[in-house]
């Protein structure tokens, strides 16, 4: 964490892609915390998806407590994934922003968290969770852009249901 901002400035001054710093930090956190995450019970895990993963046509309501309340309309990948999670008593949240994860943790403090987001939001959420010593694992979006983004849901399922 101490080197994060100096490294971002250095990379920017060299006209390089600043996301590299976030990606490296995410990889480091995943490698350090993966054993703790995988040791947690699957039923104690929660998944936090980004708001941008939903369809632009999504009619789901947004709540300050729950984030986006998915209605499983089928217009994006989240609904099908949520059905699988519901069958396994795993909570799924669709976060309107990175700091939303703090609200989730107030209600579910004993959970391990699987986070999905772009490099900026994922790094922010992972920093928040690391400071609270919560088992976590982060998955980067395949396609970013803040609207109708994409993630490899098979990879997310694999990480969610894996136990070591």
Protein backbone atom coordinates (compact mmCIF):
# COMPACT_ATOMS: atom_id res chain seq x y z
CA UNK A 1 0.00 0.00 0.00
CA UNK A 2 2.84 2.38 0.79
CA UNK A 3 4.30 2.18 -2.70
CA UNK A 4 0.98 2.31 -4.56
CA UNK A 5 0.71 6.06 -5.21
CA UNK A 6 4.42 6.64 -5.90
CA UNK A 7 4.36 3.75 -8.38
CA UNK A 8 1.23 5.12 -10.07
CA UNK A 9 2.94 8.51 -10.46
CA UNK A 10 6.12 6.92 -11.77
CA UNK A 11 4.27 4.81 -14.33
CA UNK A 12 2.20 7.82 -15.45
CA UNK A 13 5.32 9.96 -15.81
CA UNK A 14 6.74 7.30 -18.14
CA UNK A 15 3.51 7.42 -20.20
CA UNK A 16 2.81 3.78 -19.45
CA UNK A 17 -0.52 2.14 -18.69
CA UNK A 18 -1.26 2.89 -15.02
CA UNK A 19 -3.56 -0.13 -14.77
CA UNK A 20 -0.41 -2.26 -14.61
CA UNK A 21 0.16 -1.08 -11.03
CA UNK A 22 -3.39 -2.05 -10.03
CA UNK A 23 -3.14 -5.42 -11.76
CA UNK A 24 0.13 -6.23 -10.02
CA UNK A 25 -1.28 -5.24 -6.63
CA UNK A 26 -4.40 -7.37 -7.26
CA UNK A 27 -2.25 -10.37 -8.23
CA UNK A 28 -0.11 -9.93 -5.12
CA UNK A 29 -3.17 -9.71 -2.84
CA UNK A 30 -4.75 -12.76 -4.49
CA UNK A 31 -1.57 -14.78 -4.01
CA UNK A 32 -1.17 -13.73 -0.39
CA UNK A 33 -4.83 -14.22 0.58
CA UNK A 34 -5.92 -17.15 -1.60
CA UNK A 35 -5.26 -19.85 1.01
CA UNK A 36 -7.39 -18.03 3.58
CA UNK A 37 -10.14 -17.49 1.02
CA UNK A 38 -10.13 -21.10 -0.21
CA UNK A 39 -10.12 -22.39 3.38
CA UNK A 40 -13.43 -20.63 4.08
CA UNK A 41 -16.71 -22.51 3.82
CA UNK A 42 -18.50 -21.91 0.52
CA UNK A 43 -21.74 -21.03 2.35
CA UNK A 44 -19.84 -18.27 4.20
CA UNK A 45 -18.73 -16.60 0.97
CA UNK A 46 -20.38 -13.64 -0.68
CA UNK A 47 -19.94 -12.32 -4.20
CA UNK A 48 -19.79 -8.63 -5.09
CA UNK A 49 -20.33 -7.75 -8.75
CA UNK A 50 -19.97 -4.26 -10.21
CA UNK A 51 -22.99 -2.21 -11.25
CA UNK A 52 -21.55 -1.94 -14.77
CA UNK A 53 -21.89 -5.70 -15.39
CA UNK A 54 -25.67 -5.45 -15.68
CA UNK A 55 -27.53 -4.70 -18.90
CA UNK A 56 -28.25 -1.12 -19.85
CA UNK A 57 -31.89 -2.27 -20.08
CA UNK A 58 -31.90 -3.58 -16.50
CA UNK A 59 -35.03 -2.56 -14.57
CA UNK A 60 -33.75 -3.64 -11.14
CA UNK A 61 -34.06 -1.13 -8.33
CA UNK A 62 -31.04 0.18 -6.43
CA UNK A 63 -31.07 0.14 -2.64
CA UNK A 64 -28.46 1.74 -0.35
CA UNK A 65 -28.45 -1.45 1.76
CA UNK A 66 -28.51 -4.15 -0.93
CA UNK A 67 -27.10 -2.42 -4.00
CA UNK A 68 -28.90 -3.45 -7.19
CA UNK A 69 -31.68 -5.91 -6.37
CA UNK A 70 -31.32 -8.36 -9.29
CA UNK A 71 -34.68 -9.51 -10.68
CA UNK A 72 -33.07 -12.28 -12.78
CA UNK A 73 -34.53 -10.87 -15.99
CA UNK A 74 -31.99 -12.67 -18.21
CA UNK A 75 -30.63 -9.52 -19.84
CA UNK A 76 -27.18 -10.06 -18.32
CA UNK A 77 -25.11 -12.89 -16.84
CA UNK A 78 -25.74 -11.96 -13.22
CA UNK A 79 -29.27 -13.43 -12.99
CA UNK A 80 -28.24 -16.99 -13.93
CA UNK A 81 -25.24 -16.77 -11.63
CA UNK A 82 -27.44 -15.50 -8.80
CA UNK A 83 -29.81 -18.47 -9.24
CA UNK A 84 -26.89 -20.87 -8.67
CA UNK A 85 -25.81 -18.86 -5.63
CA UNK A 86 -29.35 -18.77 -4.21
CA UNK A 87 -29.50 -22.58 -4.48
CA UNK A 88 -26.29 -22.75 -2.42
CA UNK A 89 -27.23 -20.03 0.12
CA UNK A 90 -24.50 -17.70 -1.16
CA UNK A 91 -25.27 -14.00 -1.07
CA UNK A 92 -24.71 -11.93 -4.21
CA UNK A 93 -24.46 -8.15 -4.24
CA UNK A 94 -24.29 -5.79 -7.19
CA UNK A 95 -22.34 -2.79 -5.98
CA UNK A 96 -23.02 0.73 -7.24
CA UNK A 97 -19.41 1.62 -6.30
CA UNK A 98 -16.26 0.24 -4.68
CA UNK A 99 -16.93 1.60 -1.21
CA UNK A 100 -20.30 -0.24 -1.14
CA UNK A 101 -18.39 -3.28 0.10
CA UNK A 102 -18.12 -1.56 3.53
CA UNK A 103 -21.92 -1.67 3.89
CA UNK A 104 -22.00 -5.33 2.91
CA UNK A 105 -19.42 -6.17 5.57
CA UNK A 106 -21.40 -4.45 8.31
CA UNK A 107 -24.22 -6.93 7.66
CA UNK A 108 -21.97 -9.94 6.94
CA UNK A 109 -18.77 -9.46 8.98
CA UNK A 110 -17.83 -13.17 9.07
CA UNK A 111 -17.91 -13.67 5.32
CA UNK A 112 -15.19 -14.31 2.80
CA UNK A 113 -15.61 -12.14 -0.26
CA UNK A 114 -15.21 -12.82 -3.97
CA UNK A 115 -14.92 -9.49 -5.75
CA UNK A 116 -15.42 -8.82 -9.45
CA UNK A 117 -14.59 -5.42 -10.94
CA UNK A 118 -12.33 -3.35 -13.16
CA UNK A 119 -8.77 -2.81 -11.95
CA UNK A 120 -9.50 0.53 -10.23
CA UNK A 121 -12.63 -0.59 -8.33
CA UNK A 122 -11.23 -4.04 -7.57
CA UNK A 123 -8.06 -2.60 -6.11
CA UNK A 124 -10.11 -0.16 -4.00
CA UNK A 125 -12.36 -2.92 -2.66
CA UNK A 126 -9.43 -5.23 -1.97
CA UNK A 127 -7.64 -2.48 -0.04
CA UNK A 128 -10.76 -1.93 2.09
CA UNK A 129 -11.09 -5.65 2.85
CA UNK A 130 -7.38 -6.14 3.52
CA UNK A 131 -7.46 -3.43 6.17
CA UNK A 132 -10.27 -5.39 7.88
CA UNK A 133 -8.45 -8.73 7.54
CA UNK A 134 -11.28 -10.34 5.58
CA UNK A 135 -10.50 -13.33 3.33
CA UNK A 136 -10.93 -12.13 -0.24
CA UNK A 137 -10.22 -12.96 -3.85
CA UNK A 138 -10.47 -10.61 -6.81
CA UNK A 139 -11.43 -11.30 -10.43
CA UNK A 140 -10.86 -8.67 -13.10
CA UNK A 141 -13.43 -7.87 -15.75
CA UNK A 142 -12.60 -9.08 -19.28
CA UNK A 143 -14.19 -5.99 -20.81
CA UNK A 144 -14.26 -2.68 -19.00
CA UNK A 145 -15.82 0.65 -19.91
CA UNK A 146 -18.37 1.21 -17.13
CA UNK A 147 -21.36 0.10 -19.25
CA UNK A 148 -22.31 -3.51 -20.07
CA UNK A 149 -18.92 -4.87 -19.08
CA UNK A 150 -18.02 -8.56 -19.10
CA UNK A 151 -16.41 -11.20 -16.90
CA UNK A 152 -15.67 -14.88 -17.38
CA UNK A 153 -18.51 -16.31 -15.24
CA UNK A 154 -17.07 -19.82 -15.44
CA UNK A 155 -13.89 -18.54 -13.80
CA UNK A 156 -15.95 -16.74 -11.14
CA UNK A 157 -17.92 -19.96 -10.42
CA UNK A 158 -14.72 -21.99 -10.28
CA UNK A 159 -13.17 -19.62 -7.72
CA UNK A 160 -16.42 -19.33 -5.73
CA UNK A 161 -16.95 -23.06 -5.31
CA UNK A 162 -13.32 -24.17 -4.94
CA UNK A 163 -12.28 -25.38 -1.49
CA UNK A 164 -8.75 -26.33 -0.46
